[in-house]
Amino acid sequence: MKKLSRILSLTLALAMVLGLAACSGSSESTASSTSSASAAGTKVEDVPYLAEKISAGELPSKEERLPQEPMVVEVDEIGTYGGNINRAYTGASDFRNLLYAGCVWEPLVSLDSEGGAHPNLLESWEYSGEDSTTLTLKLREGIKWSDGVPFTSEDIAYFMDLYMTGEVSIEANGQQTYVQEVEVIDDYTVTLQLSSYYNLVDGATYEPIYGPAHYLKQFDPREDSSKTWADMNNALCNTTISGAIVDLPVLTPWKVTSYTENGLMIAERNPYYFKVDQEGNQLPYIDTVTFQYVADAGSISAMAVNGEIDFQSRSLSFSDYAYYKQNEAAGGYVVKALTSSSLGCCMRLNYAVKDENLRELYRNLDFRIALSEAIDRNSINDAVFFGLAEPWGDYPIESSQYFEDESYAKMYTEYNPEDAKAKLEALGIKDNDGDGFVEYNGQKITMVIDGENGNGTGPLEVVEMVAGYWRDLGIDVIVNIVDRSLLLSSWEENTHSVLAWMLGGACDPVIHNYAWAALSPSNYYWHNSGVPMQLWWETDGAEGVEPPEFVKELNTAMEKSIAAVDEEERLAAGQEACRITAENLYVIPTTTSVELCIVNDDLKNVPEEWVSGNEYLGERVSEPWTFFYGA
């Protein structure tokens, strides 16, 4: 029995333990995974793409490459081998493109197209101990890395120990737990001691808690003094793409085998991928995935029309929807409009804004209601989303387990500019000097809406439309679209007034509470409604700015839901938190959101629909390893 000699005090993203989100959702599925012992049928021939290497003795046969009990995926149609999926990527920082395509980070627990979670790399898991804070993970036996080395508990223990050093980069999503200790029981069993209960099935992550120990140790300064932590971070390829990705062993359907910076990137089938269809054919069906570099994501639309995109949602802008639809036949594709796991662009008022006049107004519910009632959401839906979205409040999407009643989803969303103006006047907000702008306490109300020219804010047309509606109230509104790095600086320094940002995690606000409450550490700026508020909560009031009472209630309900071991208690507390956000307009919402996906006409086994978004790891939820080309 091996036990780590040091306590793993690294703060990990809550969902890291799990591997993948289990946001509650519903959509039609074409494939479902099972843990059946073996695939039915007679002996199936090996993958043709690998025949030459097998013949040359460079690869063993399928029987030697696969686990004795491979994971069986029930597909609608048994596929044929061959073909390539063309995609586009925007450079070294577009790492999630590989994740969404199935080329890095195979999750421990996998999400299907219907929003359900299933064992993936795991065979099972079990809680024990007081407050269920001991989590035992049983790995699926016989899985191998893409270089043929067995995947074992050591890969979890070593990787977690790396993170414990604090020297390796990690992309955290702001919702955190503390893994206190890791104990390796045997090659396929590992126990995690947690500081508090952690719900495995509801977990979400963008990265796993394992890595190829046999490969990474050669870059470990603790093993080789000639190496540096920079060498290790480069080898890990955790957040950016580099040439090192070619050498990194993976457990995914495809593995990057060729990479040119700002050029073509090629991923080939992983000969050791552990999944088969119900007839015993090793997956994936498709041999390669190629990524063409584009300097500007806007050029992807032209590539699609030219037939150069086979399957992609990543980096597509909904503003191109009409263009995509008009050119489907020419490009040989269909463009899918998918329900997003996030809400559309929301206005996040900074409750800790330095301007005391604005802070007083922001904390007044009637002022927030007036801002909300001034927004014509139907016009936004028609103008930006072609009527495919829906006016929505600060509340989860309907497929979420935390959705209770549509009345909360529609709260304060009706367009009523007259009532909005009346509410402002009742608060003493009037144009007293005749300059066309309203004042409060003798000061003109000026609100600067910060956003980014990227995916975080959502369609910029929405920001401009909201600004126009608020100007109609007499408020001086300035739209400030800047680079994301500048946004981070303003959030950190608390110099922003309003943040325009999509509301992520609408499928499960409890797991994604960093976007739905003010629980995140003060050094976590994303989705914030006032970093000093987070600092106040983090330090029990010793530092920062005290939040409004309703935010305290929201945080308390969220914490209760997160810590609940009993599922009914967890659900009830989470629903309470969501009622608080809706009733108090924690953020000023606009509509639900829609994401696009380009799908080659000849691709088979593609689901008719699914809930799309970062929380579902983008396109990965549709199980592209089951796709194949057919007439």
Foldseek 3Di string as FASTA:
>chain_A
DDWDPAWLFFWAALQQAAFAALQFAAAFAFKDKDQAQAFDADDDAAAPVCVVCCVVVNDPGLCLLAANRFIAMAGNDQFAAEDEFFAAAAFFQRVLVCVLVFAAADTQWAAAQGSFIHGDQFPDWDFDDDQRQKIKTFGDPDFAWLSRHGQFPVQLVVLSVVVSVVLADDDHLQHTWGFTIKDGPDRGMIMTGTPFDRDNRRHRDSHYRGADCVPLLVQDCVNPVVHDSVSSNVCVSRRTDDPNQLVGIHQTQWGWNDDDGLAKTKTFGRSNHRYDYNHRHDWQRYGMYMYGHDNALVCVLVCQLCLRGAKDQPSDALQCVVVCCVRCVSNQWDKDKFFAQWFAKWKQFQCQAPPPQLNVLVLDLLLLLLLQLLAPLCCVCCVRVVVPWFFFFLAFDPSALLDDDCCLGCFSNHRDNPVSLVSCVVQVWQDPPPPLATDDPPHGAEAEEEEEPGPFLGDVVSVVRSQVSVVVSRHHYHYHYDHPVVVLVCQLVSNHGMYTGIQHRSSHCLSSVVQQALQGALNDRPNDSHSLCNPCVVVVNPGGDDGRPLRVLLVVLSVQLRRDPDPVSNSVSRSVSRSSCSVRVSINGRIGDITMMIHRNFKPSFGPHGHADVSNSGNVNRPSRHIHGDD
